[in-house]
Protein backbone atom coordinates (compact mmCIF):
# COMPACT_ATOMS: atom_id res chain seq x y z
CA UNK A 1 9.54 22.01 -34.77
CA UNK A 2 11.19 22.93 -31.48
CA UNK A 3 8.81 20.94 -29.31
CA UNK A 4 10.32 17.97 -31.45
CA UNK A 5 13.72 18.40 -30.95
CA UNK A 6 13.30 18.52 -27.21
CA UNK A 7 11.67 15.66 -26.66
CA UNK A 8 14.39 12.86 -27.61
CA UNK A 9 16.19 14.96 -25.22
CA UNK A 10 13.70 14.53 -22.58
CA UNK A 11 13.59 10.90 -23.07
CA UNK A 12 17.11 10.00 -23.19
CA UNK A 13 17.78 12.14 -20.03
CA UNK A 14 14.64 9.75 -18.37
CA UNK A 15 16.94 6.99 -19.25
CA UNK A 16 19.93 7.81 -17.76
CA UNK A 17 18.51 8.80 -14.33
CA UNK A 18 16.65 5.44 -14.52
CA UNK A 19 19.78 3.51 -14.69
CA UNK A 20 21.63 6.05 -12.03
CA UNK A 21 19.10 4.55 -9.37
CA UNK A 22 19.06 1.04 -10.43
CA UNK A 23 22.48 0.65 -10.00
CA UNK A 24 23.47 -1.51 -6.86
CA UNK A 25 25.80 1.03 -4.72
CA UNK A 26 28.42 -0.26 -2.31
CA UNK A 27 26.49 -0.20 1.04
CA UNK A 28 22.50 -0.16 -0.69
CA UNK A 29 21.92 -3.90 0.78
CA UNK A 30 23.84 -3.52 3.83
CA UNK A 31 21.44 -1.00 4.81
CA UNK A 32 18.44 -3.24 4.19
CA UNK A 33 19.77 -5.82 6.79
CA UNK A 34 18.78 -3.68 10.07
CA UNK A 35 15.44 -3.76 9.03
CA UNK A 36 14.12 -7.15 10.60
CA UNK A 37 15.87 -5.76 13.81
CA UNK A 38 13.97 -2.39 13.93
CA UNK A 39 10.86 -4.66 13.27
CA UNK A 40 11.72 -6.97 16.59
CA UNK A 41 12.80 -3.76 18.36
CA UNK A 42 9.73 -2.57 17.31
CA UNK A 43 8.09 -5.16 18.77
CA UNK A 44 9.49 -5.49 21.94
CA UNK A 45 7.79 -2.22 22.86
CA UNK A 46 4.94 -3.02 20.95
CA UNK A 47 4.06 -6.94 21.51
CA UNK A 48 1.77 -8.13 19.28
CA UNK A 49 1.30 -11.92 17.80
CA UNK A 50 2.97 -12.12 14.47
CA UNK A 51 5.82 -10.79 15.82
CA UNK A 52 5.55 -13.32 18.72
CA UNK A 53 5.68 -15.93 16.07
CA UNK A 54 8.26 -14.89 14.48
CA UNK A 55 10.82 -14.20 17.82
CA UNK A 56 9.13 -17.70 18.60
CA UNK A 57 10.83 -19.56 15.60
CA UNK A 58 13.78 -17.72 15.35
CA UNK A 59 15.11 -19.09 18.68
CA UNK A 60 13.72 -22.58 18.49
CA UNK A 61 15.76 -22.67 14.95
CA UNK A 62 19.23 -24.77 15.26
CA UNK A 63 22.20 -22.21 14.99
CA UNK A 64 24.23 -24.77 12.60
CA UNK A 65 23.07 -28.17 11.07
CA UNK A 66 24.28 -31.41 13.09
CA UNK A 67 25.01 -34.62 11.69
CA UNK A 68 22.20 -37.11 11.24
CA UNK A 69 22.56 -40.59 12.77
CA UNK A 70 21.67 -43.27 10.06
CA UNK A 71 19.94 -46.46 10.68
CA UNK A 72 21.96 -49.15 13.20
CA UNK A 73 23.72 -51.96 11.50
CA UNK A 74 26.36 -54.47 12.35
CA UNK A 75 29.56 -54.67 10.88
CA UNK A 76 30.85 -57.96 10.73
CA UNK A 77 34.60 -56.94 10.69
CA UNK A 78 34.83 -55.01 13.89
CA UNK A 79 31.84 -56.68 15.48
CA UNK A 80 30.60 -53.36 16.47
CA UNK A 81 27.03 -51.83 15.71
CA UNK A 82 27.68 -48.47 13.09
CA UNK A 83 25.99 -45.80 11.93
CA UNK A 84 26.86 -43.08 9.75
CA UNK A 85 26.84 -39.96 10.65
CA UNK A 86 27.05 -36.93 7.99
CA UNK A 87 29.93 -38.01 6.18
CA UNK A 88 31.40 -39.70 9.22
CA UNK A 89 31.78 -43.28 10.97
CA UNK A 90 29.99 -43.72 14.10
CA UNK A 91 30.80 -46.36 16.29
CA UNK A 92 27.48 -47.49 18.90
CA UNK A 93 28.02 -48.39 22.38
CA UNK A 94 25.61 -52.01 21.59
CA UNK A 95 26.95 -54.54 22.75
CA UNK A 96 26.56 -57.20 19.86
CA UNK A 97 25.20 -60.10 21.88
CA UNK A 98 22.94 -58.61 24.03
CA UNK A 99 21.09 -56.91 21.27
CA UNK A 100 21.04 -59.77 18.73
CA UNK A 101 19.94 -62.39 21.65
CA UNK A 102 17.19 -60.18 22.75
CA UNK A 103 16.35 -59.65 19.08
CA UNK A 104 15.66 -63.31 19.01
CA UNK A 105 13.68 -63.27 22.47
CA UNK A 106 11.36 -61.01 21.04
CA UNK A 107 11.56 -62.29 17.54
CA UNK A 108 10.51 -65.43 19.04
CA UNK A 109 6.99 -64.79 21.07
CA UNK A 110 5.88 -63.35 17.98
CA UNK A 111 4.60 -60.22 19.45
CA UNK A 112 2.51 -57.22 17.95
CA UNK A 113 5.07 -55.08 19.41
CA UNK A 114 7.65 -55.35 21.72
CA UNK A 115 10.95 -53.79 23.08
CA UNK A 116 13.84 -54.16 25.72
CA UNK A 117 16.04 -51.32 26.38
CA UNK A 118 19.79 -51.93 29.22
CA UNK A 119 21.73 -48.35 29.74
CA UNK A 120 24.46 -47.96 32.00
CA UNK A 121 23.10 -45.74 34.52
CA UNK A 122 26.28 -43.61 35.45
CA UNK A 123 27.27 -43.04 31.81
CA UNK A 124 23.92 -43.54 29.91
CA UNK A 125 25.62 -45.52 27.43
CA UNK A 126 22.59 -47.69 25.62
CA UNK A 127 24.27 -51.09 25.24
CA UNK A 128 21.14 -52.47 24.11
CA UNK A 129 18.10 -51.41 21.80
CA UNK A 130 16.22 -54.48 20.95
CA UNK A 131 12.65 -54.30 19.46
CA UNK A 132 10.17 -56.17 17.26
CA UNK A 133 7.04 -55.47 15.62
CA UNK A 134 4.99 -59.02 14.31
CA UNK A 135 3.84 -56.95 11.20
CA UNK A 136 7.71 -56.49 10.37
CA UNK A 137 7.54 -52.32 10.48
CA UNK A 138 10.07 -50.75 11.39
CA UNK A 139 10.75 -47.02 13.27
CA UNK A 140 12.34 -47.13 16.46
CA UNK A 141 9.50 -48.32 18.65
CA UNK A 142 12.06 -48.21 21.74
CA UNK A 143 11.70 -44.41 21.45
CA UNK A 144 7.88 -44.46 21.08
CA UNK A 145 5.64 -44.47 23.90
CA UNK A 146 3.79 -47.41 22.38
CA UNK A 147 2.25 -48.26 26.08
CA UNK A 148 0.26 -46.94 29.12
CA UNK A 149 2.70 -46.19 31.37
CA UNK A 150 0.12 -47.74 33.67
CA UNK A 151 1.53 -48.57 37.61
CA UNK A 152 5.14 -47.37 36.75
CA UNK A 153 3.53 -43.84 36.90
CA UNK A 154 3.70 -45.23 40.41
CA UNK A 155 7.17 -44.87 41.03
CA UNK A 156 6.05 -40.52 40.16
CA UNK A 157 3.67 -40.63 42.37
CA UNK A 158 5.66 -42.28 45.66
CA UNK A 159 8.58 -39.74 44.32
CA UNK A 160 6.04 -36.88 45.21
CA UNK A 161 4.86 -38.42 48.76
CA UNK A 162 7.97 -38.68 49.60
CA UNK A 163 8.69 -35.20 48.90
CA UNK A 164 5.90 -34.13 51.32
CA UNK A 165 7.00 -36.49 53.72
CA UNK A 166 5.09 -39.54 53.56
CA UNK A 167 7.49 -41.96 54.86
CA UNK A 168 8.00 -45.28 53.66
CA UNK A 169 6.51 -47.27 56.29
CA UNK A 170 3.39 -45.06 56.38
CA UNK A 171 0.34 -47.35 56.50
CA UNK A 172 -3.02 -47.38 54.84
CA UNK A 173 -6.01 -49.18 55.48
CA UNK A 174 -8.43 -50.39 52.53
CA UNK A 175 -10.54 -52.85 50.79
CA UNK A 176 -11.44 -53.33 46.80
CA UNK A 177 -9.98 -51.67 43.90
CA UNK A 178 -7.92 -54.21 42.65
CA UNK A 179 -9.33 -53.89 39.15
CA UNK A 180 -10.78 -50.38 39.36
CA UNK A 181 -11.07 -47.73 41.34
CA UNK A 182 -14.44 -46.06 42.42
CA UNK A 183 -15.12 -42.86 44.32
CA UNK A 184 -16.31 -45.12 47.44
CA UNK A 185 -13.17 -46.48 47.98
CA UNK A 186 -11.30 -43.16 48.48
CA UNK A 187 -13.25 -42.44 51.78
CA UNK A 188 -12.20 -43.89 55.03
CA UNK A 189 -14.55 -47.20 56.02
CA UNK A 190 -12.91 -48.53 59.38
CA UNK A 191 -15.71 -51.17 59.42
CA UNK A 192 -14.74 -52.27 55.96
CA UNK A 193 -10.62 -51.20 55.57
CA UNK A 194 -9.45 -54.66 57.10
CA UNK A 195 -6.12 -54.45 54.73
CA UNK A 196 -3.78 -52.35 55.35
CA UNK A 197 -0.32 -51.37 53.71
CA UNK A 198 2.74 -49.77 54.28
CA UNK A 199 3.95 -47.05 50.98
CA UNK A 200 6.49 -49.34 50.38
CA UNK A 201 4.55 -52.57 49.99
CA UNK A 202 2.18 -50.72 47.91
CA UNK A 203 4.17 -49.71 45.76
CA UNK A 204 5.84 -53.42 45.40
CA UNK A 205 2.19 -55.23 45.29
CA UNK A 206 1.07 -52.53 43.06
CA UNK A 207 -2.35 -51.49 45.21
CA UNK A 208 -3.84 -49.06 43.05
CA UNK A 209 -6.42 -47.92 46.30
CA UNK A 210 -3.62 -47.36 48.29
CA UNK A 211 -1.53 -44.94 45.92
CA UNK A 212 -5.79 -43.54 44.86
CA UNK A 213 -6.46 -42.14 48.38
CA UNK A 214 -2.69 -41.10 49.55
CA UNK A 215 -2.67 -38.89 45.98
CA UNK A 216 -6.03 -37.52 46.99
CA UNK A 217 -5.06 -36.61 50.73
CA UNK A 218 -1.87 -35.70 50.46
CA UNK A 219 -1.02 -34.42 46.35
CA UNK A 220 -2.30 -31.73 44.21
CA UNK A 221 -2.96 -31.59 40.77
CA UNK A 222 0.34 -28.97 40.29
CA UNK A 223 2.46 -31.03 42.52
CA UNK A 224 1.79 -34.33 40.44
CA UNK A 225 2.41 -32.38 37.39
CA UNK A 226 5.52 -31.36 38.46
CA UNK A 227 6.89 -34.22 39.56
CA UNK A 228 6.36 -36.03 36.12
CA UNK A 229 8.04 -33.81 34.56
CA UNK A 230 10.91 -33.80 36.92
CA UNK A 231 11.46 -37.62 35.67
CA UNK A 232 10.94 -36.48 32.35
CA UNK A 233 7.12 -36.77 31.39
CA UNK A 234 5.84 -34.13 28.84
CA UNK A 235 9.85 -33.09 27.98
CA UNK A 236 12.11 -33.97 24.87
CA UNK A 237 14.33 -36.81 25.78
CA UNK A 238 18.27 -35.63 24.21
CA UNK A 239 19.64 -38.52 21.77
CA UNK A 240 21.04 -38.86 18.91
CA UNK A 241 17.86 -40.43 17.67
CA UNK A 242 14.64 -37.97 18.01
CA UNK A 243 12.71 -39.73 21.10
CA UNK A 244 8.58 -38.61 20.72
CA UNK A 245 8.04 -37.04 24.79
CA UNK A 246 5.98 -39.38 27.25
CA UNK A 247 2.67 -37.40 27.69
CA UNK A 248 1.20 -37.37 31.21
CA UNK A 249 -2.13 -35.23 31.48
CA UNK A 250 -2.85 -34.89 35.01
CA UNK A 251 -6.29 -33.77 35.09
CA UNK A 252 -7.63 -31.02 38.13
CA UNK A 253 -10.57 -33.40 38.60
CA UNK A 254 -10.05 -34.86 42.12
CA UNK A 255 -11.01 -38.61 41.24
CA UNK A 256 -9.29 -38.39 38.08
CA UNK A 257 -6.38 -36.87 40.18
CA UNK A 258 -6.85 -39.77 42.33
CA UNK A 259 -6.63 -42.93 39.57
CA UNK A 260 -3.62 -40.92 37.57
CA UNK A 261 -1.66 -41.30 40.08
CA UNK A 262 -2.67 -44.94 40.96
CA UNK A 263 -1.96 -45.82 37.16
CA UNK A 264 -4.62 -45.69 35.33
CA UNK A 265 -4.67 -41.58 34.03
CA UNK A 266 -3.51 -41.00 30.12
CA UNK A 267 -0.27 -41.14 30.69
CA UNK A 268 2.29 -42.89 28.35
CA UNK A 269 6.12 -44.29 27.99
CA UNK A 270 8.41 -45.16 25.56
CA UNK A 271 10.78 -47.81 26.51
CA UNK A 272 13.68 -45.38 26.14
CA UNK A 273 11.91 -43.40 28.97
CA UNK A 274 11.42 -45.94 31.07
CA UNK A 275 14.99 -47.24 31.49
CA UNK A 276 15.94 -43.69 32.48
CA UNK A 277 13.19 -43.90 35.39
CA UNK A 278 15.07 -46.97 36.83
CA UNK A 279 18.76 -44.85 35.72
CA UNK A 280 17.57 -41.93 37.46
CA UNK A 281 16.20 -43.77 41.03
CA UNK A 282 19.10 -45.95 40.59
CA UNK A 283 21.27 -42.78 40.09
CA UNK A 284 20.44 -41.18 43.13
CA UNK A 285 18.29 -38.75 41.50
CA UNK A 286 20.45 -37.84 38.85
CA UNK A 287 19.67 -37.83 35.43
CA UNK A 288 22.47 -38.76 32.87
CA UNK A 289 21.48 -38.11 29.13
CA UNK A 290 21.42 -41.19 27.11
CA UNK A 291 24.06 -41.95 24.39
CA UNK A 292 24.52 -44.31 21.82
CA UNK A 293 27.54 -43.23 20.01
CA UNK A 294 31.36 -44.23 21.21
CA UNK A 295 33.41 -42.70 18.71
CA UNK A 296 33.73 -41.26 15.51
CA UNK A 297 36.36 -42.17 13.16
CA UNK A 298 38.24 -43.36 15.53
CA UNK A 299 38.02 -40.52 17.89
CA UNK A 300 35.95 -41.31 21.19
CA UNK A 301 32.88 -38.94 21.99
CA UNK A 302 32.32 -37.17 24.99
CA UNK A 303 29.10 -37.27 26.98
CA UNK A 304 26.67 -34.96 25.30
CA UNK A 305 24.36 -32.91 27.62
CA UNK A 306 24.59 -31.70 30.95
CA UNK A 307 23.73 -34.03 34.39
CA UNK A 308 21.60 -32.30 37.03
CA UNK A 309 19.93 -33.51 40.03
CA UNK A 310 15.94 -33.81 39.18
CA UNK A 311 15.32 -35.62 42.47
CA UNK A 312 16.81 -35.07 46.39
CA UNK A 313 19.22 -37.96 47.15
CA UNK A 314 17.26 -39.46 50.28
CA UNK A 315 13.89 -40.18 47.96
CA UNK A 316 15.77 -41.67 45.07
CA UNK A 317 17.53 -44.01 48.00
CA UNK A 318 13.37 -44.39 49.77
CA UNK A 319 12.55 -44.83 45.88
CA UNK A 320 15.26 -47.48 45.19
CA UNK A 321 14.48 -49.07 48.62
CA UNK A 322 10.57 -49.71 47.82
CA UNK A 323 11.49 -50.56 44.18
CA UNK A 324 13.32 -54.08 45.76
CA UNK A 325 9.60 -55.23 47.22
CA UNK A 326 8.32 -55.44 44.04
CA UNK A 327 11.30 -58.50 43.08
CA UNK A 328 11.25 -60.11 46.58
CA UNK A 329 7.22 -59.60 47.62
CA UNK A 330 5.30 -58.43 45.04
CA UNK A 331 4.23 -58.44 41.34
CA UNK A 332 7.42 -59.51 39.99
CA UNK A 333 8.29 -62.31 42.69
CA UNK A 334 7.32 -65.50 40.84
CA UNK A 335 9.85 -64.21 38.01
CA UNK A 336 12.64 -63.47 39.91
CA UNK A 337 12.36 -66.39 42.78
CA UNK A 338 13.92 -69.29 41.06
CA UNK A 339 17.22 -67.26 41.09
CA UNK A 340 17.20 -67.46 44.19
CA UNK A 341 17.12 -71.46 44.25
CA UNK A 342 18.95 -71.96 41.25
CA UNK A 343 22.90 -72.43 41.80
CA UNK A 344 24.44 -71.54 38.20
CA UNK A 345 21.56 -68.58 38.04
CA UNK A 346 23.55 -65.20 37.15
CA UNK A 347 21.29 -63.00 39.31
CA UNK A 348 21.29 -65.79 41.98
CA UNK A 349 23.61 -62.97 44.55
CA UNK A 350 22.34 -59.94 42.77
CA UNK A 351 19.44 -57.53 44.44
CA UNK A 352 17.30 -56.12 41.78
CA UNK A 353 15.19 -53.15 42.22
CA UNK A 354 11.86 -53.09 39.44
CA UNK A 355 8.34 -51.48 38.92
CA UNK A 356 5.76 -53.67 37.37
CA UNK A 357 3.15 -52.09 35.30
CA UNK A 358 -0.07 -53.78 33.32
CA UNK A 359 -3.17 -52.31 31.17
CA UNK A 360 -5.53 -53.41 28.58
CA UNK A 361 -6.75 -51.20 25.91
CA UNK A 362 -9.42 -52.00 23.22
CA UNK A 363 -10.39 -51.10 20.04
CA UNK A 364 -8.26 -53.01 19.04
CA UNK A 365 -7.80 -54.92 21.78
CA UNK A 366 -4.40 -54.86 23.53
CA UNK A 367 -2.94 -55.77 26.63
CA UNK A 368 0.48 -53.69 27.72
CA UNK A 369 3.02 -54.72 30.39
CA UNK A 370 5.92 -53.05 31.61
CA UNK A 371 8.81 -53.66 33.77
CA UNK A 372 11.76 -51.03 34.20
CA UNK A 373 14.51 -51.40 36.95
CA UNK A 374 17.91 -51.57 37.70
CA UNK A 375 20.54 -53.60 39.46
CA UNK A 376 22.31 -54.32 41.73
CA UNK A 377 20.62 -52.44 43.73
CA UNK A 378 23.64 -51.63 46.38
CA UNK A 379 25.82 -50.51 43.33
CA UNK A 380 23.79 -49.75 40.31
CA UNK A 381 25.54 -51.48 37.37
CA UNK A 382 22.30 -51.48 34.67
CA UNK A 383 18.95 -50.32 34.35
CA UNK A 384 16.70 -51.84 32.19
CA UNK A 385 12.96 -51.74 30.50
CA UNK A 386 11.06 -54.04 28.53
CA UNK A 387 7.32 -53.35 26.87
CA UNK A 388 5.37 -57.09 25.90
CA UNK A 389 2.23 -55.56 23.93
CA UNK A 390 0.07 -58.92 23.52
CA UNK A 391 -3.31 -59.51 21.94
CA UNK A 392 -5.95 -61.57 23.84
CA UNK A 393 -4.01 -64.71 24.18
CA UNK A 394 -0.64 -63.58 25.53
CA UNK A 395 2.34 -64.66 24.59
CA UNK A 396 4.98 -63.33 27.33
CA UNK A 397 4.81 -60.54 30.11
CA UNK A 398 7.61 -57.86 30.02
CA UNK A 399 8.74 -58.86 33.62
CA UNK A 400 10.08 -61.57 32.18
CA UNK A 401 11.91 -60.04 29.00
CA UNK A 402 13.64 -57.50 31.63
CA UNK A 403 14.54 -60.54 33.90
CA UNK A 404 16.09 -62.18 30.96
CA UNK A 405 18.16 -59.39 29.93
CA UNK A 406 19.15 -58.94 33.46
CA UNK A 407 20.08 -62.54 33.03
CA UNK A 408 22.28 -62.37 29.97
CA UNK A 409 24.01 -58.96 31.16
CA UNK A 410 25.18 -60.91 34.77
CA UNK A 411 25.88 -64.08 32.86
CA UNK A 412 29.77 -64.65 31.82
CA UNK A 413 28.14 -66.38 28.64
CA UNK A 414 25.37 -64.43 28.34
CA UNK A 415 23.85 -64.47 24.72
CA UNK A 416 23.90 -68.57 25.25
CA UNK A 417 20.69 -68.01 28.19
CA UNK A 418 18.97 -65.43 25.94
CA UNK A 419 19.06 -68.00 23.48
CA UNK A 420 18.15 -70.69 25.47
CA UNK A 421 15.07 -68.80 26.96
CA UNK A 422 14.17 -68.08 23.30
CA UNK A 423 13.36 -71.81 21.90
């Protein structure tokens, strides 16, 4: 009988004890917070794979959510391109006459894919970001590495060679290699090497063997990797919309290194990145981040990011002079030559620096052509990049698109010249 009286008291005491322990007393949750910090400190003393992964994810996480720039749209009343920015309204730096003219030009040739970019080297302001896909697909073609960099990569190789002390007037003699590079062509052959070019002329004429021979002789994979990084390959490009990095794979194999340096390697380029390459040279080797937002809700926007010197000014100056040979005597000579003869051409008195690139890929077959450049050479005001993707029967090449973009920019009635070419 004493046991039956005692059991209820014990049961009640247990209930009270559990209730007491379950109450969230002040300070309990605060004491539980340092546990991850303790684990992180422990991980610094005793690193392990799990802790390293957790630490990396925390470091890469944004501190605060940034407003996302919406799709670009034309505001008829304001005569400006605008986009939403969170709950705000952003006015973009894009020029309506250049953007609309270039879009019509691209569409008129019915390219499978094509894009043209214009930006101001000194400010990074993007004033045209035109693109076209014949299948109607959208998705910022100008911000994706849609084309092989091809001979555009010779700019990077030239910078690396200049930095190693190879002068623009250094001469290399060679034979063959106009369309394909073979290992035997990289060795000097006095009996057959009857054609000679300076480094400057080789860039303008895009002489493949000259760059392959010089790279094999004076560059290493590490040097070319470092130079490509300076030119923003394999790196994120800060911009209001996401920009896919342009990949550049530099092999340690000597022959693959030489062919990559000449423009035949696994390197791709986005049109925006192409314009930045030209702007970097135009700016004396200084990188200015691209921007497309001029103001938000009527308030001017400060240029994002920090400018930085990525190649030496003297190297950039030499590159600029070398790139003029592309237009005066090289692979883009035919496109720009008529401007010197046309009395009313907007480019008649404008000196242009540039570089062409072309390469085809199979399965499916695509012919890619690229052009990057800037003008005027003496006082750079605009940088341009154009990419044209053709099928077996090509419709238009990138140098012509770039030429028309520059012509429109420097024309007083700019849009008329673009529309005329588009007919």
